[in-house]
Amino acid sequence: MDIVCRHGRMLTFVEVKTRTNDERGRPALAVTAAKEQLVLRGARAWLKMLDQTQTISIPRRCDIVEVLLQEGQKPRVTVLEGAFKYRET
């Protein structure tokens, strides 16, 4: 997990994937089921550090941000909101 942020009331856990080309597909394809589990484990650990009474009612989401860096071009950034579901276990 690269970023923890708020989007309105939504608590968002974000995985960022950057590539210099799309020859092997979109950057988000690098987020496998195993990587999702790592992000979720990090999110649960992050929440555990907080006061549970304050965070229990906050809606949560897991996003992926794709960054494509190609020489001579502006970076292309795509946010995939709710790319995978937040699960407690």
C-alpha atoms as a PDB file:
ATOM      1  CA  MET A   1       0.000   0.000   0.000  1.00  0.00           C
ATOM      2  CA  ASP A   2       1.467   3.289  -1.072  1.00  0.00           C
ATOM      3  CA  ILE A   3      -1.037   5.906   0.081  1.00  0.00           C
ATOM      4  CA  VAL A   4      -3.715   6.225   2.758  1.00  0.00           C
ATOM      5  CA  CYS A   5      -6.008   9.184   2.191  1.00  0.00           C
ATOM      6  CA  ARG A   6      -9.520  10.522   2.533  1.00  0.00           C
ATOM      7  CA  HIS A   7     -11.774  11.107  -0.446  1.00  0.00           C
ATOM      8  CA  GLY A   8     -14.669  12.969   1.116  1.00  0.00           C
ATOM      9  CA  ARG A   9     -15.837  10.671   3.940  1.00  0.00           C
ATOM     10  CA  MET A  10     -14.229   7.633   2.276  1.00  0.00           C
ATOM     11  CA  LEU A  11     -11.004   6.278   3.760  1.00  0.00           C
ATOM     12  CA  THR A  12      -8.983   5.107   0.778  1.00  0.00           C
ATOM     13  CA  PHE A  13      -6.069   2.680   0.611  1.00  0.00           C
ATOM     14  CA  VAL A  14      -4.148   3.167  -2.616  1.00  0.00           C
ATOM     15  CA  GLU A  15      -1.677   1.010  -4.514  1.00  0.00           C
ATOM     16  CA  VAL A  16       0.311   2.942  -7.138  1.00  0.00           C
ATOM     17  CA  LYS A  17       1.735   1.157 -10.171  1.00  0.00           C
ATOM     18  CA  THR A  18       4.084   2.992 -12.521  1.00  0.00           C
ATOM     19  CA  ARG A  19       5.331   1.825 -15.924  1.00  0.00           C
ATOM     20  CA  THR A  20       7.397   3.378 -18.702  1.00  0.00           C
ATOM     21  CA  ASN A  21       5.378   1.607 -21.403  1.00  0.00           C
ATOM     22  CA  ASP A  22       2.274  -0.503 -21.750  1.00  0.00           C
ATOM     23  CA  GLU A  23       3.832  -3.397 -23.681  1.00  0.00           C
ATOM     24  CA  ARG A  24       2.827  -5.823 -20.909  1.00  0.00           C
ATOM     25  CA  GLY A  25      -0.601  -4.266 -20.420  1.00  0.00           C
ATOM     26  CA  ARG A  26      -1.934  -1.647 -18.092  1.00  0.00           C
ATOM     27  CA  PRO A  27      -0.009  -1.017 -14.860  1.00  0.00           C
ATOM     28  CA  ALA A  28      -3.020  -2.145 -12.790  1.00  0.00           C
ATOM     29  CA  LEU A  29      -2.570  -5.680 -14.131  1.00  0.00           C
ATOM     30  CA  ALA A  30       0.462  -5.947 -11.832  1.00  0.00           C
ATOM     31  CA  VAL A  31      -1.891  -5.908  -8.843  1.00  0.00           C
ATOM     32  CA  THR A  32      -2.470  -9.630  -8.430  1.00  0.00           C
ATOM     33  CA  ALA A  33      -4.661 -11.345  -5.848  1.00  0.00           C
ATOM     34  CA  ALA A  34      -1.535 -11.822  -3.706  1.00  0.00           C
ATOM     35  CA  LYS A  35      -0.763  -8.084  -3.922  1.00  0.00           C
ATOM     36  CA  GLU A  36      -4.363  -7.275  -2.978  1.00  0.00           C
ATOM     37  CA  GLN A  37      -3.935  -9.422   0.139  1.00  0.00           C
ATOM     38  CA  LEU A  38      -0.772  -7.487   1.069  1.00  0.00           C
ATOM     39  CA  VAL A  39      -2.580  -4.172   0.642  1.00  0.00           C
ATOM     40  CA  LEU A  40      -5.492  -5.399   2.749  1.00  0.00           C
ATOM     41  CA  ARG A  41      -3.142  -6.671   5.452  1.00  0.00           C
ATOM     42  CA  GLY A  42      -1.445  -3.255   5.534  1.00  0.00           C
ATOM     43  CA  ALA A  43      -4.819  -1.495   5.651  1.00  0.00           C
ATOM     44  CA  ARG A  44      -5.987  -3.617   8.581  1.00  0.00           C
ATOM     45  CA  ALA A  45      -2.705  -2.985  10.428  1.00  0.00           C
ATOM     46  CA  TRP A  46      -3.038   0.752   9.785  1.00  0.00           C
ATOM     47  CA  LEU A  47      -6.602   0.754  11.134  1.00  0.00           C
ATOM     48  CA  LYS A  48      -5.560  -1.271  14.171  1.00  0.00           C
ATOM     49  CA  MET A  49      -3.176   1.538  15.173  1.00  0.00           C
ATOM     50  CA  LEU A  50      -6.099   3.982  15.266  1.00  0.00           C
ATOM     51  CA  ASP A  51      -8.848   4.255  17.822  1.00  0.00           C
ATOM     52  CA  GLN A  52     -11.376   1.665  16.597  1.00  0.00           C
ATOM     53  CA  THR A  53     -14.337   3.600  18.007  1.00  0.00           C
ATOM     54  CA  GLN A  54     -13.516   6.450  15.630  1.00  0.00           C
ATOM     55  CA  THR A  55     -12.871   4.355  12.510  1.00  0.00           C
ATOM     56  CA  ILE A  56     -15.553   1.667  12.695  1.00  0.00           C
ATOM     57  CA  SER A  57     -18.183   3.747  10.854  1.00  0.00           C
ATOM     58  CA  ILE A  58     -15.866   5.216   8.208  1.00  0.00           C
ATOM     59  CA  PRO A  59     -16.497   3.750   4.748  1.00  0.00           C
ATOM     60  CA  ARG A  60     -13.386   2.221   3.133  1.00  0.00           C
ATOM     61  CA  ARG A  61     -12.224   1.654  -0.397  1.00  0.00           C
ATOM     62  CA  CYS A  62      -9.178   0.195  -2.172  1.00  0.00           C
ATOM     63  CA  ASP A  63      -8.000   2.053  -5.273  1.00  0.00           C
ATOM     64  CA  ILE A  64      -5.256   1.553  -7.800  1.00  0.00           C
ATOM     65  CA  VAL A  65      -3.490   4.530  -9.383  1.00  0.00           C
ATOM     66  CA  GLU A  66      -1.823   3.822 -12.705  1.00  0.00           C
ATOM     67  CA  VAL A  67       1.021   6.071 -13.830  1.00  0.00           C
ATOM     68  CA  LEU A  68       2.406   5.735 -17.346  1.00  0.00           C
ATOM     69  CA  LEU A  69       5.679   7.608 -17.923  1.00  0.00           C
ATOM     70  CA  GLN A  70       6.691   7.800 -21.568  1.00  0.00           C
ATOM     71  CA  GLU A  71       9.630   9.819 -22.780  1.00  0.00           C
ATOM     72  CA  GLY A  72       8.655  13.144 -24.314  1.00  0.00           C
ATOM     73  CA  GLN A  73       5.068  12.923 -23.052  1.00  0.00           C
ATOM     74  CA  LYS A  74       3.219  14.163 -20.015  1.00  0.00           C
ATOM     75  CA  PRO A  75       2.642  11.440 -17.411  1.00  0.00           C
ATOM     76  CA  ARG A  76      -0.723   9.705 -17.770  1.00  0.00           C
ATOM     77  CA  VAL A  77      -2.412   9.092 -14.441  1.00  0.00           C
ATOM     78  CA  THR A  78      -5.550   6.984 -14.095  1.00  0.00           C
ATOM     79  CA  VAL A  79      -7.353   6.400 -10.796  1.00  0.00           C
ATOM     80  CA  LEU A  80      -9.312   3.158 -10.559  1.00  0.00           C
ATOM     81  CA  GLU A  81     -11.678   3.799  -7.652  1.00  0.00           C
ATOM     82  CA  GLY A  82     -12.799   0.674  -5.842  1.00  0.00           C
ATOM     83  CA  ALA A  83     -10.420  -1.476  -7.884  1.00  0.00           C
ATOM     84  CA  PHE A  84     -10.850  -4.216  -5.310  1.00  0.00           C
ATOM     85  CA  LYS A  85     -13.038  -4.654  -2.256  1.00  0.00           C
ATOM     86  CA  TYR A  86     -11.902  -3.856   1.262  1.00  0.00           C
ATOM     87  CA  ARG A  87     -12.406  -6.949   3.438  1.00  0.00           C
ATOM     88  CA  GLU A  88     -11.753  -7.356   7.144  1.00  0.00           C
ATOM     89  CA  THR A  89     -10.350 -10.881   6.731  1.00  0.00           C
END
